[in-house]
Amino acid sequence: GDIDKFGQYLHNHWIVKKTISDKMSSSSIDRYYDKGLEYALGGKIMGAGGGGLLLFCCKEGQRRNLKEVMEKSGLRYVSFRFEFEGCKVLTNI
């Protein structure tokens, strides 16, 4: 229930993950991530092979601002929710 702590854990995980390999991120991903932190508590990249998603945990009331700044940066917003019965793809655009 502690969203602030969850966001900080995501951020710490991302920082540590980037120390594993210099191929974990890129300058453009780092720019997107840093831009996202204007409205997010933390985040991480998920996926591999040149594709994937940036996942952010937003500050209270900041999701719309995060969405706007990411879209202005050229990224697409993908809504999601936690699913307790396993991963389900609802759309594949």
Protein backbone atom coordinates (compact mmCIF):
# COMPACT_ATOMS: atom_id res chain seq x y z
CA GLY A 1 0.00 0.00 0.00
CA ASP A 2 2.99 2.38 0.17
CA ILE A 3 3.06 3.73 -3.38
CA ASP A 4 5.94 6.12 -2.67
CA LYS A 5 8.10 3.24 -1.48
CA PHE A 6 7.08 1.09 -4.46
CA GLY A 7 8.13 3.88 -6.82
CA GLN A 8 11.47 4.21 -5.05
CA TYR A 9 12.01 0.44 -5.29
CA LEU A 10 11.36 0.58 -9.05
CA HIS A 11 13.85 3.41 -9.40
CA ASN A 12 16.51 1.65 -7.31
CA HIS A 13 16.03 -1.55 -9.32
CA TRP A 14 16.52 0.35 -12.57
CA ILE A 15 19.70 2.03 -11.31
CA VAL A 16 21.17 -1.32 -10.21
CA LYS A 17 20.05 -3.07 -13.41
CA LYS A 18 21.92 -0.52 -15.52
CA THR A 19 25.18 -1.44 -13.73
CA ILE A 20 24.93 -5.03 -14.98
CA SER A 21 25.63 -4.13 -18.59
CA ASP A 22 26.16 -0.99 -20.64
CA LYS A 23 23.61 -2.46 -23.08
CA MET A 24 20.79 -2.32 -20.52
CA SER A 25 19.88 1.19 -21.64
CA SER A 26 20.73 3.81 -24.22
CA SER A 27 21.03 7.57 -24.28
CA SER A 28 17.50 7.92 -25.68
CA ILE A 29 16.00 5.58 -23.06
CA ASP A 30 17.84 7.51 -20.35
CA ARG A 31 16.40 10.78 -21.70
CA TYR A 32 12.86 9.35 -21.70
CA TYR A 33 13.34 7.98 -18.20
CA ASP A 34 14.68 11.27 -16.85
CA LYS A 35 11.77 13.13 -18.46
CA GLY A 36 9.33 10.68 -16.87
CA LEU A 37 10.80 11.29 -13.43
CA GLU A 38 9.39 14.83 -13.59
CA TYR A 39 6.01 13.22 -12.77
CA ALA A 40 6.90 9.72 -11.60
CA LEU A 41 8.31 8.29 -8.40
CA GLY A 42 10.35 5.72 -10.28
CA GLY A 43 10.28 3.34 -13.18
CA LYS A 44 12.07 0.70 -15.17
CA ILE A 45 12.28 -0.67 -18.68
CA MET A 46 10.63 -3.97 -19.45
CA GLY A 47 11.10 -6.10 -22.54
CA ALA A 48 14.09 -6.80 -24.69
CA GLY A 49 15.55 -6.81 -28.16
CA GLY A 50 15.06 -3.19 -29.09
CA GLY A 51 11.41 -3.15 -28.06
CA GLY A 52 9.71 -2.93 -24.77
CA LEU A 53 8.05 -0.58 -22.37
CA LEU A 54 8.99 2.02 -19.84
CA LEU A 55 6.94 1.39 -16.71
CA PHE A 56 6.48 4.30 -14.35
CA CYS A 57 4.90 4.57 -10.92
CA CYS A 58 3.32 8.02 -10.85
CA LYS A 59 3.08 10.57 -8.13
CA GLU A 60 -0.48 11.15 -6.91
CA GLY A 61 -2.47 12.99 -9.58
CA GLN A 62 0.38 13.05 -12.13
CA ARG A 63 -0.52 10.25 -14.54
CA ARG A 64 -2.08 12.62 -17.09
CA ASN A 65 1.00 14.90 -17.00
CA LEU A 66 3.31 11.91 -17.42
CA LYS A 67 1.23 10.65 -20.36
CA GLU A 68 1.36 14.06 -22.05
CA VAL A 69 5.11 14.55 -21.64
CA MET A 70 5.85 11.03 -22.90
CA GLU A 71 3.59 11.46 -25.93
CA LYS A 72 5.21 14.82 -26.71
CA SER A 73 8.53 12.97 -26.62
CA GLY A 74 7.26 10.59 -29.32
CA LEU A 75 6.26 7.63 -27.15
CA ARG A 76 2.91 5.87 -27.08
CA TYR A 77 0.95 5.47 -23.85
CA VAL A 78 -0.18 1.94 -23.04
CA SER A 79 -2.70 1.57 -20.25
CA PHE A 80 -2.51 -1.49 -18.05
CA ARG A 81 -3.85 -2.90 -14.84
CA PHE A 82 -2.62 -5.55 -12.48
CA GLU A 83 -4.07 -8.96 -13.25
CA PHE A 84 -4.00 -11.64 -10.60
CA GLU A 85 -4.80 -14.56 -12.93
CA GLY A 86 -1.73 -14.17 -15.16
CA CYS A 87 -0.82 -12.02 -18.14
CA LYS A 88 -3.54 -11.36 -20.71
CA VAL A 89 -3.13 -9.42 -23.97
CA LEU A 90 -6.35 -7.54 -24.62
CA THR A 91 -5.20 -5.63 -27.70
CA ASN A 92 -2.13 -5.71 -29.85
CA ILE A 93 -1.93 -2.48 -31.81
